[in-house]
Amino acid sequence: MEPPLMICKQCAWKGRYDEVDWDTVETCMGTDKIEVCPMCGSMELDTVR
């Protein structure tokens, strides 16, 4: 099965889920990893399918 397609709401980048970059952030529950756009660094990513 192919990875889902993602789209960035900021720059309209489109790509596979395994192409997104990851950022580590500290939250009140500890360290968490969030997905970010590889083109502009935005956290506003959506799944296309």
N, C-alpha and C. Protein backbone atom coordinates (compact mmCIF):
# COMPACT_ATOMS: atom_id res chain seq x y z
N MET A 1 0.84 -1.18 0.00
CA MET A 1 0.00 0.00 0.00
C MET A 1 0.89 1.25 0.00
N GLU A 2 0.53 2.22 -0.84
CA GLU A 2 1.30 3.46 -0.95
C GLU A 2 1.04 4.37 0.25
N PRO A 3 2.05 5.18 0.63
CA PRO A 3 1.81 6.16 1.70
C PRO A 3 0.81 7.22 1.23
N PRO A 4 0.06 7.80 2.16
CA PRO A 4 -0.93 8.81 1.77
C PRO A 4 -0.25 10.04 1.17
N LEU A 5 -0.99 10.75 0.34
CA LEU A 5 -0.50 12.00 -0.24
C LEU A 5 -0.81 13.14 0.71
N MET A 6 0.12 14.09 0.79
CA MET A 6 -0.02 15.24 1.68
C MET A 6 0.01 16.51 0.85
N ILE A 7 -0.63 17.57 1.37
CA ILE A 7 -0.58 18.89 0.74
C ILE A 7 -0.36 19.94 1.84
N CYS A 8 0.44 20.94 1.51
CA CYS A 8 0.70 22.04 2.44
C CYS A 8 -0.28 23.16 2.16
N LYS A 9 -0.94 23.66 3.20
CA LYS A 9 -1.91 24.74 3.04
C LYS A 9 -1.23 26.09 2.79
N GLN A 10 0.06 26.21 3.13
CA GLN A 10 0.77 27.48 2.96
C GLN A 10 1.34 27.66 1.56
N CYS A 11 2.08 26.64 1.06
CA CYS A 11 2.78 26.81 -0.22
C CYS A 11 2.27 25.88 -1.31
N ALA A 12 1.26 25.05 -1.00
CA ALA A 12 0.65 24.13 -1.96
C ALA A 12 1.57 22.99 -2.39
N TRP A 13 2.62 22.71 -1.61
CA TRP A 13 3.48 21.56 -1.88
C TRP A 13 2.64 20.30 -1.80
N LYS A 14 2.90 19.34 -2.70
CA LYS A 14 2.22 18.04 -2.67
C LYS A 14 3.28 16.96 -2.70
N GLY A 15 3.08 15.94 -1.90
CA GLY A 15 4.02 14.83 -1.87
C GLY A 15 3.53 13.70 -1.01
N ARG A 16 4.31 12.64 -0.97
CA ARG A 16 3.95 11.47 -0.15
C ARG A 16 4.27 11.74 1.32
N TYR A 17 3.57 11.03 2.18
CA TYR A 17 3.74 11.19 3.62
C TYR A 17 5.18 10.94 4.05
N ASP A 18 5.84 9.99 3.39
CA ASP A 18 7.22 9.68 3.78
C ASP A 18 8.22 10.74 3.30
N GLU A 19 7.77 11.78 2.60
CA GLU A 19 8.63 12.87 2.16
C GLU A 19 8.59 14.07 3.09
N VAL A 20 7.65 14.10 4.04
CA VAL A 20 7.56 15.26 4.94
C VAL A 20 8.73 15.27 5.91
N ASP A 21 9.07 16.45 6.40
CA ASP A 21 10.11 16.60 7.41
C ASP A 21 9.46 16.54 8.79
N TRP A 22 10.26 16.31 9.80
CA TRP A 22 9.77 16.21 11.17
C TRP A 22 10.50 17.19 12.06
N ASP A 23 9.78 17.80 12.98
CA ASP A 23 10.36 18.72 13.94
C ASP A 23 10.03 18.21 15.33
N THR A 24 10.96 18.37 16.25
CA THR A 24 10.75 17.94 17.63
C THR A 24 10.38 19.15 18.47
N VAL A 25 9.28 19.05 19.22
CA VAL A 25 8.82 20.14 20.08
C VAL A 25 8.61 19.61 21.49
N GLU A 26 8.76 20.51 22.45
CA GLU A 26 8.51 20.17 23.84
C GLU A 26 7.08 20.56 24.19
N THR A 27 6.33 19.62 24.75
CA THR A 27 4.97 19.91 25.20
C THR A 27 4.89 19.62 26.69
N CYS A 28 3.74 19.89 27.29
CA CYS A 28 3.58 19.64 28.72
C CYS A 28 3.61 18.13 29.03
N MET A 29 3.43 17.30 28.00
CA MET A 29 3.46 15.86 28.20
C MET A 29 4.79 15.25 27.76
N GLY A 30 5.78 16.09 27.42
CA GLY A 30 7.10 15.61 27.00
C GLY A 30 7.41 15.99 25.57
N THR A 31 8.38 15.32 24.99
CA THR A 31 8.82 15.59 23.63
C THR A 31 7.85 14.97 22.63
N ASP A 32 7.55 15.73 21.58
CA ASP A 32 6.64 15.25 20.54
C ASP A 32 7.23 15.58 19.19
N LYS A 33 6.97 14.74 18.19
CA LYS A 33 7.43 15.00 16.82
C LYS A 33 6.23 15.42 15.99
N ILE A 34 6.40 16.51 15.22
CA ILE A 34 5.32 16.99 14.37
C ILE A 34 5.81 17.02 12.93
N GLU A 35 4.89 16.82 11.99
CA GLU A 35 5.24 16.83 10.58
C GLU A 35 5.25 18.26 10.06
N VAL A 36 6.25 18.59 9.25
CA VAL A 36 6.36 19.92 8.67
C VAL A 36 6.63 19.79 7.17
N CYS A 37 6.23 20.80 6.43
CA CYS A 37 6.42 20.84 4.98
C CYS A 37 7.91 20.92 4.66
N PRO A 38 8.40 20.08 3.73
CA PRO A 38 9.81 20.13 3.37
C PRO A 38 10.18 21.38 2.55
N MET A 39 9.19 22.06 1.98
CA MET A 39 9.47 23.26 1.16
C MET A 39 9.50 24.54 2.00
N CYS A 40 8.46 24.76 2.82
CA CYS A 40 8.36 26.04 3.53
C CYS A 40 8.46 25.91 5.06
N GLY A 41 8.41 24.69 5.59
CA GLY A 41 8.51 24.49 7.03
C GLY A 41 7.21 24.66 7.78
N SER A 42 6.10 24.82 7.08
CA SER A 42 4.80 25.01 7.72
C SER A 42 4.32 23.71 8.37
N MET A 43 3.57 23.84 9.45
CA MET A 43 2.98 22.69 10.12
C MET A 43 1.55 22.43 9.61
N GLU A 44 1.07 23.23 8.66
CA GLU A 44 -0.28 23.13 8.15
C GLU A 44 -0.36 22.13 6.98
N LEU A 45 -0.23 20.86 7.29
CA LEU A 45 -0.30 19.81 6.28
C LEU A 45 -1.62 19.07 6.40
N ASP A 46 -2.15 18.67 5.27
CA ASP A 46 -3.40 17.92 5.22
C ASP A 46 -3.19 16.65 4.40
N THR A 47 -3.93 15.62 4.73
CA THR A 47 -3.91 14.38 3.95
C THR A 47 -4.87 14.51 2.78
N VAL A 48 -4.38 14.19 1.56
CA VAL A 48 -5.23 14.27 0.38
C VAL A 48 -6.10 13.04 0.25
N ARG A 49 -5.53 11.87 0.55
CA ARG A 49 -6.32 10.63 0.51
C ARG A 49 -5.92 9.71 1.60
